[in-house]
């Protein structure tokens, strides 16, 4: 039972790291999107 709980905890930690990286990359895209749009003449 403790091995199952340990694997679930490590799985949750991996999901947390992936979610944090996804949030950071999404925020970077949102921050850089308008600047790139202003630099491009449409």
C-alpha atoms as a PDB file:
ATOM      1  CA  UNK A   1       0.000   0.000   0.000  1.00  0.00           C
ATOM      2  CA  UNK A   2       2.850   2.406   0.784  1.00  0.00           C
ATOM      3  CA  UNK A   3       4.476   1.620  -2.579  1.00  0.00           C
ATOM      4  CA  UNK A   4       1.244   2.523  -4.367  1.00  0.00           C
ATOM      5  CA  UNK A   5       0.971   5.759  -2.393  1.00  0.00           C
ATOM      6  CA  UNK A   6       4.610   6.582  -3.158  1.00  0.00           C
ATOM      7  CA  UNK A   7       4.077   6.023  -6.891  1.00  0.00           C
ATOM      8  CA  UNK A   8       0.945   8.189  -6.803  1.00  0.00           C
ATOM      9  CA  UNK A   9       2.881  10.952  -5.033  1.00  0.00           C
ATOM     10  CA  UNK A  10       5.695  10.842  -7.603  1.00  0.00           C
ATOM     11  CA  UNK A  11       3.118  10.841 -10.406  1.00  0.00           C
ATOM     12  CA  UNK A  12       1.451  13.900  -8.882  1.00  0.00           C
ATOM     13  CA  UNK A  13       4.825  15.636  -8.593  1.00  0.00           C
ATOM     14  CA  UNK A  14       5.549  14.946 -12.274  1.00  0.00           C
ATOM     15  CA  UNK A  15       2.120  16.276 -13.233  1.00  0.00           C
ATOM     16  CA  UNK A  16       2.729  19.368 -11.115  1.00  0.00           C
ATOM     17  CA  UNK A  17       6.074  20.049 -12.809  1.00  0.00           C
ATOM     18  CA  UNK A  18       4.535  19.563 -16.274  1.00  0.00           C
ATOM     19  CA  UNK A  19       1.621  21.836 -15.370  1.00  0.00           C
ATOM     20  CA  UNK A  20       3.944  24.537 -14.045  1.00  0.00           C
ATOM     21  CA  UNK A  21       6.096  24.395 -17.191  1.00  0.00           C
ATOM     22  CA  UNK A  22       2.961  24.552 -19.359  1.00  0.00           C
ATOM     23  CA  UNK A  23       1.679  27.580 -17.437  1.00  0.00           C
ATOM     24  CA  UNK A  24       5.045  29.350 -17.770  1.00  0.00           C
ATOM     25  CA  UNK A  25       5.236  28.676 -21.517  1.00  0.00           C
ATOM     26  CA  UNK A  26       1.623  29.811 -22.007  1.00  0.00           C
ATOM     27  CA  UNK A  27       2.294  33.020 -20.070  1.00  0.00           C
ATOM     28  CA  UNK A  28       5.438  33.632 -22.150  1.00  0.00           C
ATOM     29  CA  UNK A  29       3.437  33.171 -25.373  1.00  0.00           C
ATOM     30  CA  UNK A  30       0.756  35.584 -24.112  1.00  0.00           C
ATOM     31  CA  UNK A  31       3.402  38.142 -23.116  1.00  0.00           C
ATOM     32  CA  UNK A  32       5.333  37.889 -26.399  1.00  0.00           C
ATOM     33  CA  UNK A  33       2.281  37.620 -28.667  1.00  0.00           C
ATOM     34  CA  UNK A  34       1.207  41.306 -28.733  1.00  0.00           C
ATOM     35  CA  UNK A  35       4.815  42.481 -29.113  1.00  0.00           C
ATOM     36  CA  UNK A  36       5.316  40.267 -32.155  1.00  0.00           C
ATOM     37  CA  UNK A  37       1.974  41.452 -33.504  1.00  0.00           C
ATOM     38  CA  UNK A  38       3.038  45.098 -33.145  1.00  0.00           C
ATOM     39  CA  UNK A  39       6.331  44.374 -34.905  1.00  0.00           C
ATOM     40  CA  UNK A  40       4.554  42.835 -37.910  1.00  0.00           C
ATOM     41  CA  UNK A  41       2.890  45.258 -40.315  1.00  0.00           C
ATOM     42  CA  UNK A  42      -0.573  43.873 -41.068  1.00  0.00           C
END
